Protein backbone atom coordinates (compact mmCIF):
# COMPACT_ATOMS: atom_id res chain seq x y z
CA UNK A 1 0.04 -0.07 0.08
CA UNK A 2 1.30 3.33 -1.14
CA UNK A 3 1.71 6.41 1.31
CA UNK A 4 -1.46 7.90 -0.12
CA UNK A 5 -3.84 4.80 -0.06
CA UNK A 6 -1.76 4.41 3.74
CA UNK A 7 -3.26 8.04 4.87
CA UNK A 8 -6.38 7.38 3.34
CA UNK A 9 -6.87 4.40 5.40
CA UNK A 10 -6.38 6.49 8.73
CA UNK A 11 -9.02 9.21 7.47
CA UNK A 12 -11.31 6.69 6.83
CA UNK A 13 -10.82 4.63 10.04
CA UNK A 14 -11.05 8.01 11.68
CA UNK A 15 -14.62 8.73 9.82
CA UNK A 16 -16.01 5.33 10.94
CA UNK A 17 -15.48 5.76 14.37
CA UNK A 18 -17.36 9.03 13.93
CA UNK A 19 -19.91 7.22 12.19
CA UNK A 20 -20.61 5.10 14.86
CA UNK A 21 -20.68 7.40 17.48
CA UNK A 22 -24.17 7.73 19.36
CA UNK A 23 -26.15 10.89 19.50
CA UNK A 24 -25.16 13.55 22.46
CA UNK A 25 -27.76 14.55 24.90
CA UNK A 26 -27.87 18.35 22.54
CA UNK A 27 -28.50 15.85 19.46
CA UNK A 28 -31.15 13.96 21.39
CA UNK A 29 -32.89 16.89 22.83
CA UNK A 30 -33.01 19.16 19.13
CA UNK A 31 -33.83 16.02 17.32
CA UNK A 32 -36.83 15.32 19.89
CA UNK A 33 -38.30 18.66 19.60
CA UNK A 34 -38.23 18.76 15.67
CA UNK A 35 -39.84 15.33 16.24
CA UNK A 36 -43.03 17.37 18.39
CA UNK A 37 -43.06 20.15 15.49
CA UNK A 38 -43.56 17.15 13.13
CA UNK A 39 -46.38 16.03 15.39
CA UNK A 40 -48.08 18.97 14.61
CA UNK A 41 -48.03 19.14 11.44
CA UNK A 42 -51.45 17.82 9.67
CA UNK A 43 -50.70 14.27 8.09
CA UNK A 44 -51.61 15.35 4.17
CA UNK A 45 -48.89 17.90 4.78
CA UNK A 46 -46.29 14.97 5.42
CA UNK A 47 -47.80 12.97 2.61
CA UNK A 48 -47.53 15.61 0.13
CA UNK A 49 -43.93 15.89 1.55
CA UNK A 50 -43.16 12.33 1.21
CA UNK A 51 -44.71 12.07 -2.51
CA UNK A 52 -43.01 15.44 -3.97
CA UNK A 53 -39.64 14.53 -2.67
CA UNK A 54 -39.94 10.95 -3.53
CA UNK A 55 -40.87 11.54 -7.15
CA UNK A 56 -38.30 14.52 -7.63
CA UNK A 57 -35.60 12.39 -6.35
CA UNK A 58 -36.63 9.65 -8.55
CA UNK A 59 -36.97 12.09 -11.48
CA UNK A 60 -33.30 12.79 -10.79
CA UNK A 61 -31.72 9.35 -10.39
CA UNK A 62 -33.45 7.79 -13.26
CA UNK A 63 -33.24 10.70 -15.62
CA UNK A 64 -29.66 11.16 -14.53
CA UNK A 65 -28.80 8.08 -16.33
CA UNK A 66 -29.00 9.83 -19.47
CA UNK A 67 -26.13 12.01 -18.55
CA UNK A 68 -23.83 9.73 -16.27
CA UNK A 69 -20.45 8.98 -17.40
CA UNK A 70 -18.57 5.82 -17.81
CA UNK A 71 -16.72 4.78 -14.74
CA UNK A 72 -13.39 5.71 -14.98
CA UNK A 73 -11.46 3.00 -15.03
CA UNK A 74 -7.22 1.87 -14.28
CA UNK A 75 -6.43 5.24 -11.92
CA UNK A 76 -4.95 5.52 -8.50
CA UNK A 77 -6.97 6.07 -5.46
CA UNK A 78 -5.00 9.36 -5.47
CA UNK A 79 -5.74 10.25 -8.94
CA UNK A 80 -9.63 9.80 -8.62
CA UNK A 81 -9.55 11.91 -5.30
CA UNK A 82 -7.80 14.71 -7.72
CA UNK A 83 -10.63 14.87 -9.73
CA UNK A 84 -12.93 14.40 -6.81
CA UNK A 85 -11.93 17.58 -5.51
CA UNK A 86 -12.07 19.30 -8.79
CA UNK A 87 -15.11 18.30 -9.44
CA UNK A 88 -16.47 19.78 -6.01
CA UNK A 89 -15.17 23.27 -6.73
CA UNK A 90 -17.25 23.60 -9.77
CA UNK A 91 -20.42 21.69 -8.17
CA UNK A 92 -20.18 24.17 -4.65
CA UNK A 93 -19.91 27.09 -7.08
CA UNK A 94 -22.92 25.93 -9.21
CA UNK A 95 -24.54 25.48 -5.62
CA UNK A 96 -23.90 28.72 -4.34
CA UNK A 97 -24.59 31.01 -7.96
CA UNK A 98 -27.97 28.84 -7.17
CA UNK A 99 -28.37 29.48 -3.71
CA UNK A 100 -27.77 33.17 -3.49
CA UNK A 101 -30.31 33.61 -7.04
CA UNK A 102 -32.84 31.89 -5.08
CA UNK A 103 -31.96 33.32 -1.60
CA UNK A 104 -32.52 36.78 -2.80
CA UNK A 105 -35.89 36.14 -4.54
CA UNK A 106 -37.63 36.14 -1.15
CA UNK A 107 -40.07 33.05 0.11
CA UNK A 108 -41.15 31.80 -3.29
CA UNK A 109 -37.84 30.88 -5.02
CA UNK A 110 -36.17 30.20 -1.81
CA UNK A 111 -38.97 26.97 -1.75
CA UNK A 112 -37.69 26.39 -5.17
CA UNK A 113 -34.20 25.58 -4.07
CA UNK A 114 -34.95 22.52 -2.35
CA UNK A 115 -35.64 20.67 -6.03
CA UNK A 116 -32.88 22.26 -7.72
CA UNK A 117 -30.53 22.10 -4.95
CA UNK A 118 -31.34 18.37 -4.52
CA UNK A 119 -30.40 18.11 -8.24
CA UNK A 120 -27.46 19.52 -7.84
CA UNK A 121 -26.59 16.84 -5.14
CA UNK A 122 -27.71 14.13 -6.97
CA UNK A 123 -25.67 14.63 -9.84
CA UNK A 124 -22.26 15.65 -8.02
CA UNK A 125 -22.89 12.10 -6.90
CA UNK A 126 -23.50 10.35 -9.96
CA UNK A 127 -20.17 12.09 -11.18
CA UNK A 128 -18.60 11.04 -7.60
CA UNK A 129 -19.72 7.47 -8.26
CA UNK A 130 -18.19 7.00 -11.92
CA UNK A 131 -14.87 8.63 -10.88
CA UNK A 132 -14.17 6.06 -8.01
CA UNK A 133 -15.00 3.57 -11.06
CA UNK A 134 -18.54 2.61 -10.22
CA UNK A 135 -21.84 2.37 -12.88
CA UNK A 136 -24.55 4.52 -11.83
CA UNK A 137 -26.57 2.73 -14.29
CA UNK A 138 -26.66 -0.04 -11.96
CA UNK A 139 -29.81 -0.44 -9.26
CA UNK A 140 -27.46 -1.33 -6.84
CA UNK A 141 -24.74 1.58 -7.11
CA UNK A 142 -28.11 4.51 -7.28
CA UNK A 143 -29.44 2.71 -3.90
CA UNK A 144 -25.70 3.32 -2.17
CA UNK A 145 -25.87 7.10 -3.39
CA UNK A 146 -29.35 7.62 -1.84
CA UNK A 147 -27.43 6.25 1.22
CA UNK A 148 -24.45 8.21 1.28
CA UNK A 149 -27.18 11.03 0.99
CA UNK A 150 -28.49 10.19 3.87
CA UNK A 151 -24.98 9.24 5.99
CA UNK A 152 -24.79 13.56 4.59
CA UNK A 153 -27.60 14.91 5.67
CA UNK A 154 -29.62 13.21 8.55
CA UNK A 155 -29.83 13.13 12.22
CA UNK A 156 -26.93 11.38 13.91
CA UNK A 157 -29.54 7.86 14.94
CA UNK A 158 -30.09 7.78 10.98
CA UNK A 159 -26.60 8.00 10.48
CA UNK A 160 -25.98 5.07 12.87
CA UNK A 161 -28.35 3.06 11.01
CA UNK A 162 -27.65 3.91 7.45
CA UNK A 163 -24.13 3.26 8.15
CA UNK A 164 -24.61 -0.44 9.73
CA UNK A 165 -26.07 -1.07 6.02
CA UNK A 166 -23.46 0.75 3.94
CA UNK A 167 -20.14 -0.85 6.10
CA UNK A 168 -20.83 -4.35 4.57
CA UNK A 169 -23.14 -2.94 1.63
CA UNK A 170 -22.42 -5.90 -0.59
CA UNK A 171 -24.17 -7.87 1.98
CA UNK A 172 -26.85 -5.97 2.72
CA UNK A 173 -27.67 -5.46 -0.81
CA UNK A 174 -28.51 -8.88 -1.56
CA UNK A 175 -31.18 -8.58 1.14
CA UNK A 176 -32.84 -5.70 -0.88
CA UNK A 177 -35.93 -5.70 -3.21
CA UNK A 178 -35.29 -5.27 -6.81
CA UNK A 179 -37.76 -2.37 -6.73
CA UNK A 180 -36.98 1.52 -6.11
CA UNK A 181 -40.32 2.09 -4.31
CA UNK A 182 -39.64 -0.16 -1.49
CA UNK A 183 -36.97 2.43 -0.50
CA UNK A 184 -38.39 4.21 2.68
CA UNK A 185 -38.93 7.20 0.98
CA UNK A 186 -40.91 8.83 3.83
CA UNK A 187 -37.51 8.49 6.42
CA UNK A 188 -35.51 9.61 3.87
CA UNK A 189 -37.70 12.94 3.06
CA UNK A 190 -38.28 13.66 6.88
CA UNK A 191 -34.32 13.11 7.88
CA UNK A 192 -33.36 15.80 4.73
CA UNK A 193 -36.10 17.94 5.51
CA UNK A 194 -34.87 18.07 9.19
CA UNK A 195 -31.20 18.45 8.58
CA UNK A 196 -31.93 21.73 6.29
CA UNK A 197 -35.16 23.23 7.59
CA UNK A 198 -33.43 26.11 9.54
CA UNK A 199 -30.89 26.80 7.21
CA UNK A 200 -33.64 26.98 4.50
CA UNK A 201 -35.95 29.15 6.58
CA UNK A 202 -33.19 31.44 6.80
CA UNK A 203 -32.60 31.90 3.70
CA UNK A 204 -36.47 33.41 3.23
CA UNK A 205 -35.19 36.65 5.44
CA UNK A 206 -35.13 39.23 3.08
CA UNK A 207 -32.01 40.89 3.22
CA UNK A 208 -29.69 38.04 4.35
CA UNK A 209 -31.16 35.43 2.11
CA UNK A 210 -28.61 35.60 -0.42
CA UNK A 211 -25.53 35.45 1.53
CA UNK A 212 -27.19 32.53 3.49
CA UNK A 213 -28.56 30.48 0.45
CA UNK A 214 -24.56 30.90 -0.99
CA UNK A 215 -23.09 30.12 2.71
CA UNK A 216 -25.29 27.12 3.37
CA UNK A 217 -25.34 25.59 -0.13
CA UNK A 218 -21.55 25.69 -0.09
CA UNK A 219 -21.50 23.74 3.36
CA UNK A 220 -23.73 21.31 1.63
CA UNK A 221 -21.57 20.53 -1.16
CA UNK A 222 -18.55 20.36 1.31
CA UNK A 223 -20.52 18.03 3.64
CA UNK A 224 -21.40 15.85 0.78
CA UNK A 225 -18.27 15.71 -0.86
CA UNK A 226 -16.81 14.50 2.17
CA UNK A 227 -18.90 12.03 3.11
CA UNK A 228 -18.68 10.28 -0.42
CA UNK A 229 -15.29 10.16 -0.08
CA UNK A 230 -14.84 8.15 2.74
CA UNK A 231 -17.99 6.34 1.55
CA UNK A 232 -16.51 5.33 -1.68
CA UNK A 233 -12.98 4.61 0.54
CA UNK A 234 -15.06 1.86 2.16
CA UNK A 235 -15.37 0.22 -1.12
CA UNK A 236 -12.07 0.37 -2.78
CA UNK A 237 -9.54 0.11 -0.02
């Protein structure tokens, strides 16, 4: 194993340890407050949001196959991660411009940020999968992409559950039904919404919306990039 791979393995082991950590008291309290708030909202609202995010994500995932790049072959881990870093800069700039534009436009445009940012994030994960040598046209790899997404944008308790699945993904995948609709879409959208709710509410405030939108979207891409790198290292190292 070369020096870069050795460094990557050390970082991966630290990340895996972090993924296994349990929720802190503050995180549990915050999640409890969020759950109470969600309990007040009408069931129809949850059904609508579940359906919206499910359909929106499926369109992005299933439609992206027409623009998916072929897996990169015969590259070292270091070469792959140099390409990931270059992609991250491009997507980060795109997300910042999108966040600033929708944040400056008030409530209606801020609401439009949700599908736009989700599309950017999923496409970014498609590109990362290809760079690491995985074919995102494969149903299995699309499920893995959704789990990476959850690792990046979920509560600690959900991260623990998802990490148990992806740590030995090949074995877990053999237990999955071969149907996209069998995925737990309600939990997916709930965790994602809970994670980004506060930031997106601030984005709707006149005067600071554009700044908040650009800053928050940049941080989301940073988080997604870091999570995806470790998740794919776990597959190939």
